[in-house]
Amino acid sequence: MNRHVMAAAAAALALAGGAALAQQQGVSKNEIVLGSIQDLSGPLAGFGKQLRLGMMLRVDEVNEQGGVNGRKIKLLFEDSGYDPKKAVLAAQKLVNQDKIFMMVGHIGTAQNMAAMPVQFEKNVINFFPVTAAREMYEPFNRLKFAFAATYYDQMRMTLPKLVREKAAKKVCTIYQDDEFGNEVVRGAEDGLKTMNMSLVEKTSFKRGATDFSSQVAKMKAAGCDFVVLGTIIRETIGTIGESRKTGFNPTFLGSSAAYTDLIHRLGGKAMDGLYATMTVQNPYTDDSSQQISFWAKKYKTKFNEDPAVFSVYGYLVIDSFIQAARKAGANLTTDTFIKAMDTMVYPPDIFGSAEATFGPQKRLGSNLSRLSQLQDGRWKAVSDYVKP
């Protein structure tokens, strides 16, 4: 009888152990499986490639050093083509078929919004998505963790500083007529309110526009001496290029969406003088910082191309995961990871990121940004982090 009881107890324990193991997908004795959805074939494929390579660099480094608490990281990528519908399919594959532990560094606001319900149904964290939208941490969800200062906060905090420095009298904006552009405008308006100022002229364009002559003419006629850009790459280049041609030379300020090496690579000398909000420094192989230069050369040696700011984002997303997973300890689960994140403090890194802190009700690490300017075809940080 005792043997039967003991056998039944052992079977029950085995089943319980198996159930516990099954509950935490993506983590085995020797491996942690992570997933990432990137645009590898659509309009932001350049950024998607840089993010992917930056992530791979950090994964390879940690795996060569033995992994995280004895577990190697396996990182799987799916392509969304920057299409929310494809992002849903990619999330379904990663979550349900590949059984990932966590989604990391997913690019795009609409794409993340579409994919998150698929993840949350299976208790899969959305970790450090590469988008500066407030929805990445609002409304609160225990499975959301964001690192990117929002477009709204970027403008709200940095615009007043630069307006004062330039003694600007007439602040205007040109913006993409969608949620991204509207967030830039909202931040600009609320920042100007603190100075008892308002936007003198607002002009917009539809996504995909290539001609900005009428918008530039409108701002020039209004006598704008400062222009807030709710633009990304092509629109930034088009607006500034058209302005230079017509002799219209206000101060231009863009968000982090315009902080990319592609602006001066594609737009040339005319882009000099542009300001943009940013957090991490664009890495140059001959950077004055030896640490950044060393990192950039290591990246170039591995992938045979120069890194850019999105390469750094990818690298830091994985590095941040590694730090929190180590803190969570050998028993890595969604719950232990969240518990670790609830007291997590990330100090400034070699790329100049602001300190980031998280808590039980705090899911955005930092809302601070700083200013950089294009000078002789290179981004140069020109301010510290700006506080309201």
Protein backbone atom coordinates (compact mmCIF):
# COMPACT_ATOMS: atom_id res chain seq x y z
CA MET A 1 0.00 0.00 0.00
CA ASN A 2 2.81 2.37 0.93
CA ARG A 3 4.53 1.63 -2.38
CA HIS A 4 1.33 2.57 -4.23
CA VAL A 5 0.98 5.81 -2.24
CA MET A 6 4.61 6.70 -2.87
CA ALA A 7 4.28 5.93 -6.58
CA ALA A 8 1.15 8.07 -6.82
CA ALA A 9 2.87 10.90 -4.97
CA ALA A 10 5.90 10.68 -7.25
CA ALA A 11 3.65 10.74 -10.32
CA ALA A 12 1.79 13.75 -8.94
CA LEU A 13 5.08 15.58 -8.31
CA ALA A 14 6.29 14.77 -11.81
CA LEU A 15 3.06 16.09 -13.30
CA ALA A 16 3.24 19.23 -11.17
CA GLY A 17 6.84 19.78 -12.17
CA GLY A 18 5.99 19.27 -15.82
CA ALA A 19 3.07 21.69 -15.54
CA ALA A 20 5.27 24.31 -13.88
CA LEU A 21 7.84 23.89 -16.62
CA ALA A 22 5.18 24.13 -19.29
CA GLN A 23 3.78 27.32 -17.76
CA GLN A 24 7.00 29.20 -18.47
CA GLN A 25 7.57 28.97 -22.18
CA GLY A 26 10.82 30.02 -23.78
CA VAL A 27 13.07 29.10 -20.86
CA SER A 28 14.82 25.75 -20.60
CA LYS A 29 17.80 24.55 -18.62
CA ASN A 30 20.27 25.82 -21.21
CA GLU A 31 18.40 28.39 -23.30
CA ILE A 32 16.25 31.54 -23.31
CA VAL A 33 14.25 32.08 -26.50
CA LEU A 34 13.54 35.71 -27.41
CA GLY A 35 11.60 37.05 -30.38
CA SER A 36 11.77 40.32 -32.28
CA ILE A 37 9.62 41.71 -35.09
CA GLN A 38 11.47 44.06 -37.45
CA ASP A 39 10.80 45.79 -40.73
CA LEU A 40 13.23 43.93 -42.97
CA SER A 41 11.50 44.56 -46.31
CA GLY A 42 9.36 47.71 -45.98
CA PRO A 43 9.85 51.49 -45.69
CA LEU A 44 11.94 51.26 -42.50
CA ALA A 45 14.02 48.26 -43.59
CA GLY A 46 17.22 50.28 -43.09
CA PHE A 47 16.34 50.81 -39.44
CA GLY A 48 15.18 47.21 -39.10
CA LYS A 49 18.50 45.89 -40.36
CA GLN A 50 20.47 48.12 -37.98
CA LEU A 51 18.33 47.04 -35.03
CA ARG A 52 18.77 43.37 -35.93
CA LEU A 53 22.55 43.64 -36.22
CA GLY A 54 22.86 45.59 -32.98
CA MET A 55 20.84 42.93 -31.17
CA MET A 56 22.87 40.11 -32.69
CA LEU A 57 26.13 41.74 -31.59
CA ARG A 58 25.07 41.80 -27.93
CA VAL A 59 23.58 38.28 -28.07
CA ASP A 60 26.82 36.90 -29.53
CA GLU A 61 28.86 38.68 -26.85
CA VAL A 62 26.88 37.30 -23.93
CA ASN A 63 26.69 33.78 -25.40
CA GLU A 64 30.47 33.74 -25.86
CA GLN A 65 30.73 34.58 -22.15
CA GLY A 66 28.49 31.66 -21.13
CA GLY A 67 25.05 33.24 -21.40
CA VAL A 68 22.73 34.53 -18.68
CA ASN A 69 22.90 32.51 -15.46
CA GLY A 70 24.13 29.55 -17.54
CA ARG A 71 21.56 29.91 -20.32
CA LYS A 72 22.42 30.92 -23.89
CA ILE A 73 20.11 33.37 -25.66
CA LYS A 74 18.40 32.27 -28.86
CA LEU A 75 17.04 35.29 -30.74
CA LEU A 76 14.43 34.78 -33.47
CA PHE A 77 13.40 37.45 -35.99
CA GLU A 78 10.25 37.87 -38.04
CA ASP A 79 9.62 40.50 -40.75
CA SER A 80 6.55 42.73 -40.55
CA GLY A 81 7.33 44.81 -43.64
CA TYR A 82 6.07 47.64 -41.37
CA ASP A 83 2.53 46.30 -41.84
CA PRO A 84 0.40 45.84 -38.68
CA LYS A 85 -1.41 42.85 -40.22
CA LYS A 86 1.90 41.11 -40.88
CA ALA A 87 3.01 42.03 -37.36
CA VAL A 88 0.05 40.07 -35.97
CA LEU A 89 0.98 37.01 -38.01
CA ALA A 90 4.62 37.37 -36.92
CA ALA A 91 3.59 37.63 -33.27
CA GLN A 92 1.35 34.56 -33.57
CA LYS A 93 4.25 32.55 -35.00
CA LEU A 94 6.76 33.68 -32.39
CA VAL A 95 4.41 33.32 -29.42
CA ASN A 96 2.44 30.20 -30.34
CA GLN A 97 4.81 28.22 -32.57
CA ASP A 98 8.32 29.27 -31.52
CA LYS A 99 7.23 29.66 -27.87
CA ILE A 100 9.29 32.76 -27.12
CA PHE A 101 9.86 33.91 -23.55
CA MET A 102 9.70 37.60 -24.44
CA MET A 103 9.23 40.04 -27.34
CA VAL A 104 12.16 42.47 -27.53
CA GLY A 105 12.78 45.63 -29.54
CA HIS A 106 9.75 45.37 -31.84
CA ILE A 107 9.77 48.39 -34.20
CA GLY A 108 6.74 50.55 -34.98
CA THR A 109 3.77 51.97 -33.08
CA ALA A 110 0.89 50.46 -35.08
CA GLN A 111 2.79 47.18 -35.34
CA ASN A 112 3.26 46.93 -31.57
CA MET A 113 -0.36 47.87 -30.94
CA ALA A 114 -1.46 45.06 -33.23
CA ALA A 115 0.91 42.45 -31.78
CA MET A 116 0.59 43.12 -28.05
CA PRO A 117 -2.84 41.43 -27.59
CA VAL A 118 -1.39 38.22 -29.09
CA GLN A 119 1.49 38.36 -26.62
CA PHE A 120 -0.49 39.36 -23.54
CA GLU A 121 -2.92 36.48 -24.01
CA LYS A 122 0.05 34.15 -23.44
CA ASN A 123 1.70 36.22 -20.68
CA VAL A 124 4.56 37.33 -22.98
CA ILE A 125 6.22 40.64 -22.04
CA ASN A 126 6.63 43.45 -24.59
CA PHE A 127 10.13 44.63 -23.71
CA PHE A 128 11.58 47.95 -24.91
CA PRO A 129 9.73 48.40 -28.23
CA VAL A 130 11.46 50.78 -30.64
CA THR A 131 8.84 53.49 -30.85
CA ALA A 132 8.37 56.72 -28.90
CA ALA A 133 4.60 56.34 -28.53
CA ARG A 134 2.91 56.72 -25.15
CA GLU A 135 0.90 53.56 -25.80
CA MET A 136 4.03 51.51 -25.15
CA TYR A 137 3.53 52.10 -21.42
CA GLU A 138 0.02 53.58 -21.22
CA PRO A 139 -2.47 52.41 -20.17
CA PHE A 140 -0.60 50.47 -17.51
CA ASN A 141 -0.03 46.79 -18.11
CA ARG A 142 2.37 44.67 -16.07
CA LEU A 143 3.68 43.18 -19.33
CA LYS A 144 4.73 46.54 -20.85
CA PHE A 145 8.24 47.99 -20.45
CA ALA A 146 9.36 51.01 -22.51
CA PHE A 147 12.63 52.91 -22.82
CA ALA A 148 12.00 55.63 -25.44
CA ALA A 149 11.16 59.16 -24.30
CA THR A 150 7.93 60.04 -26.10
CA TYR A 151 7.71 62.44 -29.02
CA TYR A 152 5.36 64.50 -26.86
CA ASP A 153 7.84 64.81 -23.97
CA GLN A 154 10.77 65.38 -26.33
CA MET A 155 9.14 68.52 -27.71
CA ARG A 156 7.48 69.65 -24.50
CA MET A 157 10.82 69.78 -22.70
CA THR A 158 13.42 70.75 -25.31
CA LEU A 159 11.51 73.29 -27.43
CA PRO A 160 11.35 76.06 -24.78
CA LYS A 161 15.11 75.77 -24.18
CA LEU A 162 15.99 76.19 -27.86
CA VAL A 163 13.40 78.93 -28.45
CA ARG A 164 14.98 80.95 -25.64
CA GLU A 165 18.50 80.34 -26.93
CA LYS A 166 17.54 81.48 -30.43
CA ALA A 167 15.34 84.35 -29.16
CA ALA A 168 12.68 83.09 -31.56
CA LYS A 169 9.51 85.15 -31.92
CA LYS A 170 7.41 83.16 -34.38
CA VAL A 171 7.37 79.39 -33.87
CA CYS A 172 5.62 77.32 -36.56
CA THR A 173 5.28 73.62 -37.39
CA ILE A 174 5.07 71.33 -40.39
CA TYR A 175 3.90 67.86 -39.47
CA GLN A 176 2.78 64.52 -40.84
CA ASP A 177 -0.99 64.28 -40.54
CA ASP A 178 -1.13 61.16 -38.36
CA GLU A 179 -0.66 60.16 -34.73
CA PHE A 180 3.12 60.60 -34.90
CA GLY A 181 2.91 64.15 -36.24
CA ASN A 182 0.08 65.08 -33.88
CA GLU A 183 2.12 63.95 -30.86
CA VAL A 184 5.00 66.22 -31.94
CA VAL A 185 2.56 69.15 -32.29
CA ARG A 186 0.90 68.47 -28.92
CA GLY A 187 4.29 68.47 -27.22
CA ALA A 188 5.30 71.69 -28.98
CA GLU A 189 2.07 73.44 -28.03
CA ASP A 190 2.33 72.44 -24.36
CA GLY A 191 6.00 73.43 -24.25
CA LEU A 192 5.23 76.87 -25.69
CA LYS A 193 2.39 77.38 -23.19
CA THR A 194 5.01 77.47 -20.42
CA MET A 195 6.44 80.55 -22.19
CA ASN A 196 3.04 82.13 -22.88
CA MET A 197 3.61 81.48 -26.58
CA SER A 198 1.69 79.53 -29.21
CA LEU A 199 2.31 78.22 -32.72
CA VAL A 200 1.96 81.01 -35.27
CA GLU A 201 1.41 78.70 -38.22
CA LYS A 202 0.58 75.01 -38.54
CA THR A 203 0.80 73.18 -41.85
CA SER A 204 0.54 69.45 -42.48
CA PHE A 205 1.10 66.84 -45.20
CA LYS A 206 -0.18 63.34 -45.86
CA ARG A 207 2.06 60.36 -45.22
CA GLY A 208 4.05 59.59 -48.37
CA ALA A 209 4.11 63.21 -49.62
CA THR A 210 7.15 64.29 -51.65
CA ASP A 211 6.42 67.94 -52.47
CA PHE A 212 6.54 70.45 -49.62
CA SER A 213 6.71 73.70 -51.60
CA SER A 214 3.25 74.95 -50.59
CA GLN A 215 3.88 74.25 -46.90
CA VAL A 216 7.25 76.00 -46.98
CA ALA A 217 5.73 79.00 -48.80
CA LYS A 218 3.03 79.20 -46.13
CA MET A 219 5.55 79.27 -43.28
CA LYS A 220 7.77 81.77 -45.08
CA ALA A 221 4.81 84.09 -45.64
CA ALA A 222 3.96 83.89 -41.92
CA GLY A 223 7.50 85.08 -41.07
CA CYS A 224 8.36 81.97 -39.07
CA ASP A 225 11.83 82.10 -37.52
CA PHE A 226 11.60 78.66 -35.87
CA VAL A 227 10.05 75.49 -37.33
CA VAL A 228 9.14 72.33 -35.40
CA LEU A 229 9.37 69.30 -37.69
CA GLY A 230 6.86 66.50 -37.24
CA THR A 231 8.74 64.71 -40.00
CA ILE A 232 10.81 61.54 -40.42
CA ILE A 233 13.49 61.11 -43.12
CA ARG A 234 12.29 62.03 -46.60
CA GLU A 235 9.99 64.78 -45.29
CA THR A 236 12.76 66.34 -43.19
CA ILE A 237 15.10 66.44 -46.17
CA GLY A 238 12.35 67.72 -48.48
CA THR A 239 11.25 70.51 -46.16
CA ILE A 240 14.74 71.78 -45.37
CA GLY A 241 15.90 71.43 -48.98
CA GLU A 242 12.93 73.44 -50.28
CA SER A 243 13.46 76.07 -47.58
CA ARG A 244 17.13 76.54 -48.47
CA LYS A 245 16.23 76.93 -52.16
CA THR A 246 13.78 79.73 -51.40
CA GLY A 247 16.06 81.57 -48.96
CA PHE A 248 13.93 80.59 -45.96
CA ASN A 249 16.33 79.78 -43.12
CA PRO A 250 14.61 79.44 -39.73
CA THR A 251 15.87 77.24 -36.90
CA PHE A 252 14.68 73.69 -37.57
CA LEU A 253 13.99 71.27 -34.71
CA GLY A 254 13.00 67.65 -35.32
CA SER A 255 12.19 64.77 -32.99
CA SER A 256 14.22 61.60 -32.52
CA ALA A 257 12.48 60.33 -35.69
CA ALA A 258 14.76 62.70 -37.62
CA TYR A 259 17.87 61.79 -35.62
CA THR A 260 19.52 59.47 -38.12
CA ASP A 261 22.66 59.42 -40.24
CA LEU A 262 20.38 59.07 -43.28
CA ILE A 263 19.42 62.76 -43.08
CA HIS A 264 22.87 64.06 -43.99
CA ARG A 265 23.81 61.05 -46.11
CA LEU A 266 20.81 61.62 -48.38
CA GLY A 267 20.26 65.36 -47.93
CA GLY A 268 23.85 66.59 -48.08
CA LYS A 269 25.26 69.91 -46.92
CA ALA A 270 21.86 71.63 -46.89
CA MET A 271 20.93 69.63 -43.79
CA ASP A 272 23.66 71.26 -41.65
CA GLY A 273 22.20 73.24 -38.78
CA LEU A 274 19.24 70.92 -38.14
CA TYR A 275 18.55 70.22 -34.47
CA ALA A 276 16.96 66.97 -33.28
CA THR A 277 16.05 65.48 -29.95
CA MET A 278 17.95 62.34 -29.00
CA THR A 279 19.15 60.08 -26.20
CA VAL A 280 22.01 57.84 -27.38
CA GLN A 281 24.89 59.28 -29.38
CA ASN A 282 25.18 58.25 -33.03
CA PRO A 283 28.31 56.04 -33.09
CA TYR A 284 31.18 57.03 -35.36
CA THR A 285 34.25 54.83 -35.83
CA ASP A 286 36.46 57.89 -35.25
CA ASP A 287 34.36 59.24 -32.36
CA SER A 288 36.23 61.34 -29.79
CA SER A 289 34.98 58.88 -27.16
CA GLN A 290 37.36 55.90 -27.22
CA GLN A 291 34.63 53.59 -25.89
CA ILE A 292 32.18 54.53 -28.66
CA SER A 293 34.91 54.34 -31.29
CA PHE A 294 35.97 50.87 -30.07
CA TRP A 295 32.35 49.65 -30.12
CA ALA A 296 31.73 51.10 -33.60
CA LYS A 297 34.86 49.44 -35.00
CA LYS A 298 33.86 46.11 -33.42
CA TYR A 299 30.44 46.38 -35.09
CA LYS A 300 31.98 47.29 -38.45
CA THR A 301 34.47 44.41 -38.26
CA LYS A 302 31.66 41.95 -37.57
CA PHE A 303 29.11 43.18 -40.12
CA ASN A 304 31.26 45.06 -42.65
CA GLU A 305 29.26 48.28 -42.37
CA ASP A 306 29.20 51.35 -40.15
CA PRO A 307 26.80 51.29 -37.21
CA ALA A 308 24.11 53.93 -36.74
CA VAL A 309 21.86 55.03 -33.92
CA PHE A 310 19.40 52.16 -34.49
CA SER A 311 22.31 49.73 -34.15
CA VAL A 312 22.84 51.18 -30.69
CA TYR A 313 19.13 50.88 -29.83
CA GLY A 314 19.22 47.18 -30.73
CA TYR A 315 22.39 46.58 -28.73
CA LEU A 316 21.02 48.36 -25.65
CA VAL A 317 17.63 46.60 -25.78
CA ILE A 318 19.37 43.22 -25.46
CA ASP A 319 21.85 44.53 -22.89
CA SER A 320 18.96 45.83 -20.76
CA PHE A 321 17.22 42.46 -20.98
CA ILE A 322 20.44 40.70 -19.91
CA GLN A 323 20.86 42.92 -16.84
CA ALA A 324 17.28 42.32 -15.67
CA ALA A 325 17.38 38.57 -16.42
CA ARG A 326 20.57 38.23 -14.37
CA LYS A 327 18.89 40.05 -11.51
CA ALA A 328 15.86 37.74 -11.78
CA GLY A 329 18.16 34.81 -10.98
CA ALA A 330 18.30 31.18 -12.01
CA ASN A 331 14.53 30.72 -11.70
CA LEU A 332 13.69 32.88 -14.72
CA THR A 333 9.95 33.30 -15.24
CA THR A 334 7.70 36.15 -16.35
CA ASP A 335 6.91 36.87 -12.70
CA THR A 336 10.54 36.84 -11.49
CA PHE A 337 11.56 39.06 -14.42
CA ILE A 338 8.82 41.58 -13.60
CA LYS A 339 9.85 41.53 -9.94
CA ALA A 340 13.43 42.29 -10.97
CA MET A 341 12.28 45.12 -13.27
CA ASP A 342 10.18 46.66 -10.49
CA THR A 343 13.39 47.71 -8.72
CA MET A 344 15.59 48.07 -11.81
CA VAL A 345 17.95 51.02 -12.21
CA TYR A 346 19.94 51.32 -15.44
CA PRO A 347 22.87 53.74 -15.06
CA PRO A 348 24.05 55.94 -17.96
CA ASP A 349 25.94 53.93 -20.59
CA ILE A 350 28.83 54.69 -22.96
CA PHE A 351 26.39 56.16 -25.51
CA GLY A 352 25.13 58.76 -23.04
CA SER A 353 21.70 57.35 -22.17
CA ALA A 354 20.00 58.98 -19.19
CA GLU A 355 19.55 56.91 -16.04
CA ALA A 356 16.43 54.76 -16.36
CA THR A 357 14.36 53.52 -13.42
CA PHE A 358 11.34 51.25 -13.20
CA GLY A 359 8.82 50.43 -10.50
CA PRO A 360 5.57 48.54 -9.83
CA GLN A 361 3.61 51.38 -11.46
CA LYS A 362 6.41 52.90 -13.59
CA ARG A 363 6.81 51.33 -17.01
CA LEU A 364 8.81 54.04 -18.83
CA GLY A 365 12.48 54.16 -17.85
CA SER A 366 13.06 57.85 -18.59
CA ASN A 367 11.15 60.62 -20.34
CA LEU A 368 14.23 62.83 -20.80
CA SER A 369 15.95 63.74 -24.07
CA ARG A 370 18.70 66.12 -25.16
CA LEU A 371 19.58 68.12 -28.24
CA SER A 372 21.94 67.26 -31.07
CA GLN A 373 22.80 69.31 -34.16
CA LEU A 374 24.10 68.42 -37.61
CA GLN A 375 27.45 70.14 -37.98
CA ASP A 376 29.55 69.45 -41.10
CA GLY A 377 27.58 66.29 -41.81
CA ARG A 378 27.86 64.79 -38.32
CA TRP A 379 25.55 64.74 -35.34
CA LYS A 380 27.00 66.53 -32.33
CA ALA A 381 25.33 66.55 -28.90
CA VAL A 382 24.80 70.20 -27.93
CA SER A 383 22.90 69.95 -24.64
CA ASP A 384 22.54 67.92 -21.51
CA TYR A 385 19.26 66.17 -20.75
CA VAL A 386 16.56 68.83 -20.55
CA LYS A 387 14.21 68.78 -17.56
CA PRO A 388 10.89 70.63 -17.62
